């Protein structure tokens, strides 16, 4: 950019310099906003573990509420010594539970 030092008080020169500065600032602003728009693309991806956890949470929410009457009956049977555990049935139940988690 050149400045006419012979005619510093010339309003036309000052006005032209200001217009040039405004144009440069506008171009910089446009360039900056274009860069911001390009950078603004975010994305999210869930890991398989997160998807599995989400499915387990849905299953837990859909599970039936605890039957308090059955719990009370089991407590009475255990306290009285009448509750007998079938080891094979227990093993099958545990295995089924583990397979359902997978």
PDB file of N, CA and C in Angstrom:
ATOM      1  N   UNK A   1       0.851  -1.173   0.000  1.00  0.00           N
ATOM      2  CA  UNK A   1       0.000   0.000   0.000  1.00  0.00           C
ATOM      3  C   UNK A   1       0.896   1.234   0.000  1.00  0.00           C
ATOM      4  N   UNK A   2       0.564   2.159  -0.844  1.00  0.00           N
ATOM      5  CA  UNK A   2       1.362   3.379  -0.923  1.00  0.00           C
ATOM      6  C   UNK A   2       0.610   4.529  -0.306  1.00  0.00           C
ATOM      7  N   UNK A   3       1.377   5.424   0.268  1.00  0.00           N
ATOM      8  CA  UNK A   3       0.799   6.629   0.871  1.00  0.00           C
ATOM      9  C   UNK A   3       1.404   7.836   0.185  1.00  0.00           C
ATOM     10  N   UNK A   4       0.552   8.739  -0.207  1.00  0.00           N
ATOM     11  CA  UNK A   4       0.991   9.977  -0.857  1.00  0.00           C
ATOM     12  C   UNK A   4       1.402  10.953   0.233  1.00  0.00           C
ATOM     13  N   UNK A   5       2.723  11.124   0.481  1.00  0.00           N
ATOM     14  CA  UNK A   5       3.182  11.986   1.569  1.00  0.00           C
ATOM     15  C   UNK A   5       3.141  13.455   1.178  1.00  0.00           C
ATOM     16  N   UNK A   6       2.996  13.761  -0.088  1.00  0.00           N
ATOM     17  CA  UNK A   6       2.903  15.150  -0.524  1.00  0.00           C
ATOM     18  C   UNK A   6       1.560  15.752  -0.181  1.00  0.00           C
ATOM     19  N   UNK A   7       0.567  14.935  -0.038  1.00  0.00           N
ATOM     20  CA  UNK A   7      -0.778  15.453   0.162  1.00  0.00           C
ATOM     21  C   UNK A   7      -1.453  14.681   1.298  1.00  0.00           C
ATOM     22  N   UNK A   8      -0.885  14.759   2.522  1.00  0.00           N
ATOM     23  CA  UNK A   8      -1.366  13.973   3.657  1.00  0.00           C
ATOM     24  C   UNK A   8      -2.773  14.365   4.091  1.00  0.00           C
ATOM     25  N   UNK A   9      -3.135  15.557   3.917  1.00  0.00           N
ATOM     26  CA  UNK A   9      -4.446  16.017   4.374  1.00  0.00           C
ATOM     27  C   UNK A   9      -5.537  15.760   3.345  1.00  0.00           C
ATOM     28  N   UNK A  10      -5.197  15.127   2.294  1.00  0.00           N
ATOM     29  CA  UNK A  10      -6.173  14.863   1.249  1.00  0.00           C
ATOM     30  C   UNK A  10      -7.202  13.854   1.764  1.00  0.00           C
ATOM     31  N   UNK A  11      -8.426  14.260   1.850  1.00  0.00           N
ATOM     32  CA  UNK A  11      -9.501  13.420   2.382  1.00  0.00           C
ATOM     33  C   UNK A  11      -9.763  12.198   1.505  1.00  0.00           C
ATOM     34  N   UNK A  12      -9.562  12.340   0.221  1.00  0.00           N
ATOM     35  CA  UNK A  12      -9.792  11.226  -0.686  1.00  0.00           C
ATOM     36  C   UNK A  12      -8.823  10.088  -0.380  1.00  0.00           C
ATOM     37  N   UNK A  13      -7.568  10.417  -0.118  1.00  0.00           N
ATOM     38  CA  UNK A  13      -6.555   9.399   0.196  1.00  0.00           C
ATOM     39  C   UNK A  13      -6.903   8.702   1.512  1.00  0.00           C
ATOM     40  N   UNK A  14      -7.305   9.455   2.520  1.00  0.00           N
ATOM     41  CA  UNK A  14      -7.676   8.887   3.821  1.00  0.00           C
ATOM     42  C   UNK A  14      -8.901   7.994   3.660  1.00  0.00           C
ATOM     43  N   UNK A  15      -9.873   8.462   2.905  1.00  0.00           N
ATOM     44  CA  UNK A  15     -11.093   7.690   2.678  1.00  0.00           C
ATOM     45  C   UNK A  15     -10.768   6.386   1.938  1.00  0.00           C
ATOM     46  N   UNK A  16      -9.886   6.456   0.960  1.00  0.00           N
ATOM     47  CA  UNK A  16      -9.488   5.270   0.195  1.00  0.00           C
ATOM     48  C   UNK A  16      -8.766   4.276   1.099  1.00  0.00           C
ATOM     49  N   UNK A  17      -7.894   4.777   1.984  1.00  0.00           N
ATOM     50  CA  UNK A  17      -7.183   3.894   2.912  1.00  0.00           C
ATOM     51  C   UNK A  17      -8.162   3.186   3.852  1.00  0.00           C
ATOM     52  N   UNK A  18      -9.158   3.916   4.326  1.00  0.00           N
ATOM     53  CA  UNK A  18     -10.145   3.319   5.224  1.00  0.00           C
ATOM     54  C   UNK A  18     -10.975   2.267   4.493  1.00  0.00           C
ATOM     55  N   UNK A  19     -11.327   2.553   3.257  1.00  0.00           N
ATOM     56  CA  UNK A  19     -12.091   1.581   2.480  1.00  0.00           C
ATOM     57  C   UNK A  19     -11.274   0.305   2.265  1.00  0.00           C
ATOM     58  N   UNK A  20      -9.996   0.468   1.983  1.00  0.00           N
ATOM     59  CA  UNK A  20      -9.122  -0.686   1.784  1.00  0.00           C
ATOM     60  C   UNK A  20      -9.035  -1.508   3.063  1.00  0.00           C
ATOM     61  N   UNK A  21      -8.914  -0.835   4.197  1.00  0.00           N
ATOM     62  CA  UNK A  21      -8.841  -1.549   5.471  1.00  0.00           C
ATOM     63  C   UNK A  21     -10.141  -2.304   5.752  1.00  0.00           C
ATOM     64  N   UNK A  22     -11.262  -1.660   5.483  1.00  0.00           N
ATOM     65  CA  UNK A  22     -12.554  -2.293   5.713  1.00  0.00           C
ATOM     66  C   UNK A  22     -12.702  -3.525   4.828  1.00  0.00           C
ATOM     67  N   UNK A  23     -12.284  -3.420   3.581  1.00  0.00           N
ATOM     68  CA  UNK A  23     -12.365  -4.558   2.664  1.00  0.00           C
ATOM     69  C   UNK A  23     -11.479  -5.705   3.150  1.00  0.00           C
ATOM     70  N   UNK A  24     -10.283  -5.370   3.623  1.00  0.00           N
ATOM     71  CA  UNK A  24      -9.377  -6.409   4.123  1.00  0.00           C
ATOM     72  C   UNK A  24      -9.973  -7.097   5.350  1.00  0.00           C
ATOM     73  N   UNK A  25     -10.555  -6.300   6.244  1.00  0.00           N
ATOM     74  CA  UNK A  25     -11.168  -6.878   7.436  1.00  0.00           C
ATOM     75  C   UNK A  25     -12.358  -7.759   7.069  1.00  0.00           C
ATOM     76  N   UNK A  26     -13.138  -7.328   6.093  1.00  0.00           N
ATOM     77  CA  UNK A  26     -14.285  -8.124   5.661  1.00  0.00           C
ATOM     78  C   UNK A  26     -13.814  -9.441   5.048  1.00  0.00           C
ATOM     79  N   UNK A  27     -12.761  -9.376   4.264  1.00  0.00           N
ATOM     80  CA  UNK A  27     -12.225 -10.594   3.653  1.00  0.00           C
ATOM     81  C   UNK A  27     -11.699 -11.543   4.728  1.00  0.00           C
ATOM     82  N   UNK A  28     -11.028 -10.991   5.742  1.00  0.00           N
ATOM     83  CA  UNK A  28     -10.519 -11.832   6.835  1.00  0.00           C
ATOM     84  C   UNK A  28     -11.678 -12.457   7.618  1.00  0.00           C
ATOM     85  N   UNK A  29     -12.716 -11.671   7.852  1.00  0.00           N
ATOM     86  CA  UNK A  29     -13.878 -12.197   8.580  1.00  0.00           C
ATOM     87  C   UNK A  29     -14.539 -13.316   7.791  1.00  0.00           C
ATOM     88  N   UNK A  30     -14.686 -13.119   6.493  1.00  0.00           N
ATOM     89  CA  UNK A  30     -15.300 -14.148   5.653  1.00  0.00           C
ATOM     90  C   UNK A  30     -14.441 -15.410   5.652  1.00  0.00           C
ATOM     91  N   UNK A  31     -13.145 -15.226   5.577  1.00  0.00           N
ATOM     92  CA  UNK A  31     -12.232 -16.365   5.577  1.00  0.00           C
ATOM     93  C   UNK A  31     -12.305 -17.112   6.906  1.00  0.00           C
ATOM     94  N   UNK A  32     -12.338 -16.367   7.996  1.00  0.00           N
ATOM     95  CA  UNK A  32     -12.403 -16.977   9.323  1.00  0.00           C
ATOM     96  C   UNK A  32     -13.712 -17.725   9.511  1.00  0.00           C
ATOM     97  N   UNK A  33     -14.823 -17.134   9.103  1.00  0.00           N
ATOM     98  CA  UNK A  33     -16.112 -17.803   9.272  1.00  0.00           C
ATOM     99  C   UNK A  33     -16.201 -19.039   8.386  1.00  0.00           C
ATOM    100  N   UNK A  34     -15.592 -19.007   7.207  1.00  0.00           N
ATOM    101  CA  UNK A  34     -15.575 -20.184   6.339  1.00  0.00           C
ATOM    102  C   UNK A  34     -14.770 -21.307   6.995  1.00  0.00           C
ATOM    103  N   UNK A  35     -13.665 -20.955   7.640  1.00  0.00           N
ATOM    104  CA  UNK A  35     -12.860 -21.965   8.327  1.00  0.00           C
ATOM    105  C   UNK A  35     -13.629 -22.554   9.494  1.00  0.00           C
ATOM    106  N   UNK A  36     -14.347 -21.716  10.219  1.00  0.00           N
ATOM    107  CA  UNK A  36     -15.122 -22.191  11.364  1.00  0.00           C
ATOM    108  C   UNK A  36     -16.213 -23.144  10.885  1.00  0.00           C
ATOM    109  N   UNK A  37     -16.868 -22.827   9.779  1.00  0.00           N
ATOM    110  CA  UNK A  37     -17.914 -23.695   9.257  1.00  0.00           C
ATOM    111  C   UNK A  37     -17.337 -25.041   8.826  1.00  0.00           C
ATOM    112  N   UNK A  38     -16.155 -25.060   8.275  1.00  0.00           N
ATOM    113  CA  UNK A  38     -15.546 -26.306   7.851  1.00  0.00           C
ATOM    114  C   UNK A  38     -15.154 -27.155   9.053  1.00  0.00           C
ATOM    115  N   UNK A  39     -14.718 -26.544  10.115  1.00  0.00           N
ATOM    116  CA  UNK A  39     -14.267 -27.264  11.306  1.00  0.00           C
ATOM    117  C   UNK A  39     -15.457 -27.764  12.110  1.00  0.00           C
ATOM    118  N   UNK A  40     -16.635 -27.209  11.907  1.00  0.00           N
ATOM    119  CA  UNK A  40     -17.800 -27.498  12.730  1.00  0.00           C
ATOM    120  C   UNK A  40     -18.420 -28.862  12.551  1.00  0.00           C
ATOM    121  N   UNK A  41     -17.829 -29.786  11.845  1.00  0.00           N
ATOM    122  CA  UNK A  41     -18.403 -31.105  11.632  1.00  0.00           C
ATOM    123  C   UNK A  41     -17.914 -32.065  12.705  1.00  0.00           C
ATOM    124  N   UNK A  42     -18.745 -32.282  13.734  1.00  0.00           N
ATOM    125  CA  UNK A  42     -18.421 -33.212  14.802  1.00  0.00           C
ATOM    126  C   UNK A  42     -19.178 -34.506  14.567  1.00  0.00           C
ATOM    127  N   UNK A  43     -18.637 -35.574  15.078  1.00  0.00           N
ATOM    128  CA  UNK A  43     -19.332 -36.846  14.981  1.00  0.00           C
ATOM    129  C   UNK A  43     -19.075 -37.648  16.251  1.00  0.00           C
ATOM    130  N   UNK A  44     -20.003 -38.540  16.526  1.00  0.00           N
ATOM    131  CA  UNK A  44     -19.907 -39.389  17.707  1.00  0.00           C
ATOM    132  C   UNK A  44     -20.104 -40.824  17.255  1.00  0.00           C
ATOM    133  N   UNK A  45     -19.289 -41.714  17.774  1.00  0.00           N
ATOM    134  CA  UNK A  45     -19.481 -43.131  17.490  1.00  0.00           C
ATOM    135  C   UNK A  45     -19.402 -43.900  18.805  1.00  0.00           C
ATOM    136  N   UNK A  46     -20.273 -44.881  18.926  1.00  0.00           N
ATOM    137  CA  UNK A  46     -20.329 -45.686  20.138  1.00  0.00           C
ATOM    138  C   UNK A  46     -19.547 -46.974  19.934  1.00  0.00           C
ATOM    139  N   UNK A  47     -18.819 -47.363  20.949  1.00  0.00           N
ATOM    140  CA  UNK A  47     -18.072 -48.619  20.894  1.00  0.00           C
ATOM    141  C   UNK A  47     -19.045 -49.783  21.060  1.00  0.00           C
ATOM    142  N   UNK A  48     -18.637 -50.969  20.647  1.00  0.00           N
ATOM    143  CA  UNK A  48     -19.515 -52.136  20.855  1.00  0.00           C
ATOM    144  C   UNK A  48     -19.848 -52.356  22.327  1.00  0.00           C
ATOM    145  N   UNK A  49     -18.897 -52.059  23.207  1.00  0.00           N
ATOM    146  CA  UNK A  49     -19.152 -52.218  24.643  1.00  0.00           C
ATOM    147  C   UNK A  49     -20.238 -51.248  25.108  1.00  0.00           C
ATOM    148  N   UNK A  50     -20.219 -50.025  24.591  1.00  0.00           N
ATOM    149  CA  UNK A  50     -21.240 -49.044  24.972  1.00  0.00           C
ATOM    150  C   UNK A  50     -22.612 -49.481  24.468  1.00  0.00           C
ATOM    151  N   UNK A  51     -22.659 -50.040  23.263  1.00  0.00           N
ATOM    152  CA  UNK A  51     -23.930 -50.535  22.724  1.00  0.00           C
ATOM    153  C   UNK A  51     -24.444 -51.695  23.566  1.00  0.00           C
ATOM    154  N   UNK A  52     -23.527 -52.584  23.965  1.00  0.00           N
ATOM    155  CA  UNK A  52     -23.926 -53.718  24.798  1.00  0.00           C
ATOM    156  C   UNK A  52     -24.438 -53.238  26.154  1.00  0.00           C
ATOM    157  N   UNK A  53     -23.767 -52.261  26.731  1.00  0.00           N
ATOM    158  CA  UNK A  53     -24.213 -51.708  28.010  1.00  0.00           C
ATOM    159  C   UNK A  53     -25.598 -51.083  27.875  1.00  0.00           C
ATOM    160  N   UNK A  54     -25.836 -50.394  26.786  1.00  0.00           N
ATOM    161  CA  UNK A  54     -27.145 -49.790  26.546  1.00  0.00           C
ATOM    162  C   UNK A  54     -28.230 -50.865  26.463  1.00  0.00           C
ATOM    163  N   UNK A  55     -27.941 -51.975  25.771  1.00  0.00           N
ATOM    164  CA  UNK A  55     -28.905 -53.071  25.677  1.00  0.00           C
ATOM    165  C   UNK A  55     -29.173 -53.687  27.049  1.00  0.00           C
ATOM    166  N   UNK A  56     -28.116 -53.844  27.852  1.00  0.00           N
ATOM    167  CA  UNK A  56     -28.286 -54.406  29.194  1.00  0.00           C
ATOM    168  C   UNK A  56     -29.120 -53.487  30.076  1.00  0.00           C
ATOM    169  N   UNK A  57     -28.924 -52.184  29.937  1.00  0.00           N
ATOM    170  CA  UNK A  57     -29.728 -51.239  30.712  1.00  0.00           C
ATOM    171  C   UNK A  57     -31.196 -51.322  30.315  1.00  0.00           C
ATOM    172  N   UNK A  58     -31.462 -51.492  29.021  1.00  0.00           N
ATOM    173  CA  UNK A  58     -32.848 -51.640  28.567  1.00  0.00           C
ATOM    174  C   UNK A  58     -33.469 -52.908  29.148  1.00  0.00           C
ATOM    175  N   UNK A  59     -32.691 -54.011  29.139  1.00  0.00           N
ATOM    176  CA  UNK A  59     -33.189 -55.263  29.711  1.00  0.00           C
ATOM    177  C   UNK A  59     -33.475 -55.104  31.200  1.00  0.00           C
ATOM    178  N   UNK A  60     -32.595 -54.407  31.905  1.00  0.00           N
ATOM    179  CA  UNK A  60     -32.784 -54.203  33.344  1.00  0.00           C
ATOM    180  C   UNK A  60     -34.034 -53.364  33.609  1.00  0.00           C
ATOM    181  N   UNK A  61     -34.274 -52.366  32.772  1.00  0.00           N
ATOM    182  CA  UNK A  61     -35.463 -51.531  32.948  1.00  0.00           C
ATOM    183  C   UNK A  61     -36.742 -52.299  32.629  1.00  0.00           C
ATOM    184  N   UNK A  62     -36.654 -53.269  31.710  1.00  0.00           N
ATOM    185  CA  UNK A  62     -37.823 -54.058  31.339  1.00  0.00           C
ATOM    186  C   UNK A  62     -38.059 -55.238  32.276  1.00  0.00           C
ATOM    187  N   UNK A  63     -37.095 -55.529  33.142  1.00  0.00           N
ATOM    188  CA  UNK A  63     -37.209 -56.665  34.063  1.00  0.00           C
ATOM    189  C   UNK A  63     -38.356 -56.413  35.036  1.00  0.00           C
ATOM    190  N   UNK A  64     -38.999 -57.499  35.457  1.00  0.00           N
ATOM    191  CA  UNK A  64     -40.122 -57.330  36.393  1.00  0.00           C
ATOM    192  C   UNK A  64     -39.636 -56.823  37.754  1.00  0.00           C
ATOM    193  N   UNK A  65     -40.543 -56.187  38.442  1.00  0.00           N
ATOM    194  CA  UNK A  65     -40.254 -55.663  39.776  1.00  0.00           C
ATOM    195  C   UNK A  65     -40.158 -56.847  40.741  1.00  0.00           C
ATOM    196  N   UNK A  66     -39.386 -56.723  41.790  1.00  0.00           N
ATOM    197  CA  UNK A  66     -39.177 -57.800  42.761  1.00  0.00           C
ATOM    198  C   UNK A  66     -40.504 -58.131  43.453  1.00  0.00           C
ATOM    199  N   UNK A  67     -40.800 -59.430  43.503  1.00  0.00           N
ATOM    200  CA  UNK A  67     -42.015 -59.918  44.168  1.00  0.00           C
ATOM    201  C   UNK A  67     -41.713 -60.056  45.658  1.00  0.00           C
ATOM    202  N   UNK A  68     -42.129 -59.093  46.422  1.00  0.00           N
ATOM    203  CA  UNK A  68     -41.819 -59.061  47.855  1.00  0.00           C
ATOM    204  C   UNK A  68     -42.430 -60.240  48.609  1.00  0.00           C
ATOM    205  N   UNK A  69     -43.598 -60.713  48.164  1.00  0.00           N
ATOM    206  CA  UNK A  69     -44.232 -61.851  48.844  1.00  0.00           C
ATOM    207  C   UNK A  69     -43.380 -63.112  48.668  1.00  0.00           C
ATOM    208  N   UNK A  70     -42.854 -63.322  47.469  1.00  0.00           N
ATOM    209  CA  UNK A  70     -42.009 -64.490  47.230  1.00  0.00           C
ATOM    210  C   UNK A  70     -40.716 -64.401  48.034  1.00  0.00           C
ATOM    211  N   UNK A  71     -40.155 -63.199  48.125  1.00  0.00           N
ATOM    212  CA  UNK A  71     -38.939 -62.995  48.912  1.00  0.00           C
ATOM    213  C   UNK A  71     -39.201 -63.325  50.382  1.00  0.00           C
ATOM    214  N   UNK A  72     -40.334 -62.891  50.900  1.00  0.00           N
ATOM    215  CA  UNK A  72     -40.673 -63.167  52.297  1.00  0.00           C
ATOM    216  C   UNK A  72     -40.830 -64.669  52.534  1.00  0.00           C
ATOM    217  N   UNK A  73     -41.473 -65.366  51.584  1.00  0.00           N
ATOM    218  CA  UNK A  73     -41.645 -66.813  51.715  1.00  0.00           C
ATOM    219  C   UNK A  73     -40.294 -67.535  51.712  1.00  0.00           C
ATOM    220  N   UNK A  74     -39.390 -67.110  50.820  1.00  0.00           N
ATOM    221  CA  UNK A  74     -38.058 -67.725  50.763  1.00  0.00           C
ATOM    222  C   UNK A  74     -37.276 -67.472  52.050  1.00  0.00           C
ATOM    223  N   UNK A  75     -37.391 -66.273  52.587  1.00  0.00           N
ATOM    224  CA  UNK A  75     -36.699 -65.966  53.848  1.00  0.00           C
ATOM    225  C   UNK A  75     -37.196 -66.884  54.971  1.00  0.00           C
ATOM    226  N   UNK A  76     -38.520 -67.078  55.027  1.00  0.00           N
ATOM    227  CA  UNK A  76     -39.095 -67.960  56.058  1.00  0.00           C
ATOM    228  C   UNK A  76     -38.584 -69.392  55.896  1.00  0.00           C
ATOM    229  N   UNK A  77     -38.555 -69.864  54.628  1.00  0.00           N
ATOM    230  CA  UNK A  77     -38.124 -71.241  54.372  1.00  0.00           C
ATOM    231  C   UNK A  77     -36.653 -71.423  54.724  1.00  0.00           C
ATOM    232  N   UNK A  78     -35.826 -70.436  54.399  1.00  0.00           N
ATOM    233  CA  UNK A  78     -34.400 -70.518  54.738  1.00  0.00           C
ATOM    234  C   UNK A  78     -34.206 -70.500  56.243  1.00  0.00           C
ATOM    235  N   UNK A  79     -34.920 -69.607  56.935  1.00  0.00           N
ATOM    236  CA  UNK A  79     -34.800 -69.500  58.395  1.00  0.00           C
ATOM    237  C   UNK A  79     -35.266 -70.777  59.083  1.00  0.00           C
ATOM    238  N   UNK A  80     -36.294 -71.430  58.537  1.00  0.00           N
ATOM    239  CA  UNK A  80     -36.823 -72.650  59.144  1.00  0.00           C
ATOM    240  C   UNK A  80     -36.008 -73.878  58.747  1.00  0.00           C
ATOM    241  N   UNK A  81     -35.105 -73.728  57.760  1.00  0.00           N
ATOM    242  CA  UNK A  81     -34.293 -74.863  57.314  1.00  0.00           C
ATOM    243  C   UNK A  81     -35.016 -75.746  56.310  1.00  0.00           C
ATOM    244  N   UNK A  82     -36.149 -75.273  55.791  1.00  0.00           N
ATOM    245  CA  UNK A  82     -36.943 -76.058  54.838  1.00  0.00           C
ATOM    246  C   UNK A  82     -36.522 -75.829  53.387  1.00  0.00           C
ATOM    247  N   UNK A  83     -35.708 -74.854  53.128  1.00  0.00           N
ATOM    248  CA  UNK A  83     -35.322 -74.528  51.741  1.00  0.00           C
ATOM    249  C   UNK A  83     -34.140 -75.384  51.342  1.00  0.00           C
ATOM    250  N   UNK A  84     -34.311 -76.166  50.302  1.00  0.00           N
ATOM    251  CA  UNK A  84     -33.257 -77.039  49.814  1.00  0.00           C
ATOM    252  C   UNK A  84     -32.811 -76.542  48.433  1.00  0.00           C
ATOM    253  N   UNK A  85     -31.504 -76.504  48.213  1.00  0.00           N
ATOM    254  CA  UNK A  85     -30.925 -76.044  46.949  1.00  0.00           C
ATOM    255  C   UNK A  85     -30.608 -77.262  46.092  1.00  0.00           C
ATOM    256  N   UNK A  86     -31.108 -77.250  44.850  1.00  0.00           N
ATOM    257  CA  UNK A  86     -30.783 -78.294  43.881  1.00  0.00           C
ATOM    258  C   UNK A  86     -29.554 -77.822  43.108  1.00  0.00           C
ATOM    259  N   UNK A  87     -28.371 -78.428  43.356  1.00  0.00           N
ATOM    260  CA  UNK A  87     -27.135 -77.940  42.737  1.00  0.00           C
ATOM    261  C   UNK A  87     -27.164 -77.948  41.215  1.00  0.00           C
ATOM    262  N   UNK A  88     -27.781 -78.956  40.597  1.00  0.00           N
ATOM    263  CA  UNK A  88     -27.833 -79.002  39.133  1.00  0.00           C
ATOM    264  C   UNK A  88     -28.717 -77.891  38.576  1.00  0.00           C
ATOM    265  N   UNK A  89     -29.840 -77.672  39.205  1.00  0.00           N
ATOM    266  CA  UNK A  89     -30.743 -76.603  38.755  1.00  0.00           C
ATOM    267  C   UNK A  89     -30.075 -75.237  38.921  1.00  0.00           C
ATOM    268  N   UNK A  90     -29.349 -75.065  40.017  1.00  0.00           N
ATOM    269  CA  UNK A  90     -28.620 -73.818  40.250  1.00  0.00           C
ATOM    270  C   UNK A  90     -27.546 -73.599  39.195  1.00  0.00           C
ATOM    271  N   UNK A  91     -26.807 -74.660  38.854  1.00  0.00           N
ATOM    272  CA  UNK A  91     -25.749 -74.558  37.842  1.00  0.00           C
ATOM    273  C   UNK A  91     -26.339 -74.190  36.481  1.00  0.00           C
ATOM    274  N   UNK A  92     -27.440 -74.805  36.126  1.00  0.00           N
ATOM    275  CA  UNK A  92     -28.096 -74.484  34.846  1.00  0.00           C
ATOM    276  C   UNK A  92     -28.562 -73.033  34.835  1.00  0.00           C
ATOM    277  N   UNK A  93     -29.124 -72.583  35.932  1.00  0.00           N
ATOM    278  CA  UNK A  93     -29.594 -71.196  36.006  1.00  0.00           C
ATOM    279  C   UNK A  93     -28.440 -70.199  35.884  1.00  0.00           C
ATOM    280  N   UNK A  94     -27.339 -70.495  36.541  1.00  0.00           N
ATOM    281  CA  UNK A  94     -26.164 -69.612  36.450  1.00  0.00           C
ATOM    282  C   UNK A  94     -25.617 -69.578  35.029  1.00  0.00           C
ATOM    283  N   UNK A  95     -25.540 -70.766  34.404  1.00  0.00           N
ATOM    284  CA  UNK A  95     -25.033 -70.825  33.020  1.00  0.00           C
ATOM    285  C   UNK A  95     -25.950 -70.048  32.073  1.00  0.00           C
ATOM    286  N   UNK A  96     -27.256 -70.205  32.231  1.00  0.00           N
ATOM    287  CA  UNK A  96     -28.202 -69.464  31.377  1.00  0.00           C
ATOM    288  C   UNK A  96     -28.056 -67.953  31.585  1.00  0.00           C
ATOM    289  N   UNK A  97     -27.870 -67.561  32.822  1.00  0.00           N
ATOM    290  CA  UNK A  97     -27.690 -66.131  33.111  1.00  0.00           C
ATOM    291  C   UNK A  97     -26.449 -65.596  32.431  1.00  0.00           C
ATOM    292  N   UNK A  98     -25.367 -66.351  32.510  1.00  0.00           N
ATOM    293  CA  UNK A  98     -24.103 -65.928  31.868  1.00  0.00           C
ATOM    294  C   UNK A  98     -24.260 -65.828  30.345  1.00  0.00           C
ATOM    295  N   UNK A  99     -24.946 -66.796  29.744  1.00  0.00           N
ATOM    296  CA  UNK A  99     -25.151 -66.763  28.281  1.00  0.00           C
ATOM    297  C   UNK A  99     -26.044 -65.591  27.872  1.00  0.00           C
ATOM    298  N   UNK A 100     -27.011 -65.253  28.730  1.00  0.00           N
ATOM    299  CA  UNK A 100     -27.884 -64.103  28.419  1.00  0.00           C
ATOM    300  C   UNK A 100     -27.112 -62.792  28.433  1.00  0.00           C
ATOM    301  N   UNK A 101     -26.067 -62.703  29.236  1.00  0.00           N
ATOM    302  CA  UNK A 101     -25.251 -61.490  29.293  1.00  0.00           C
ATOM    303  C   UNK A 101     -24.436 -61.294  28.023  1.00  0.00           C
ATOM    304  N   UNK A 102     -24.095 -62.368  27.374  1.00  0.00           N
ATOM    305  CA  UNK A 102     -23.274 -62.300  26.166  1.00  0.00           C
ATOM    306  C   UNK A 102     -24.156 -61.972  25.026  1.00  0.00           C
TER     307      UNK A 102
END
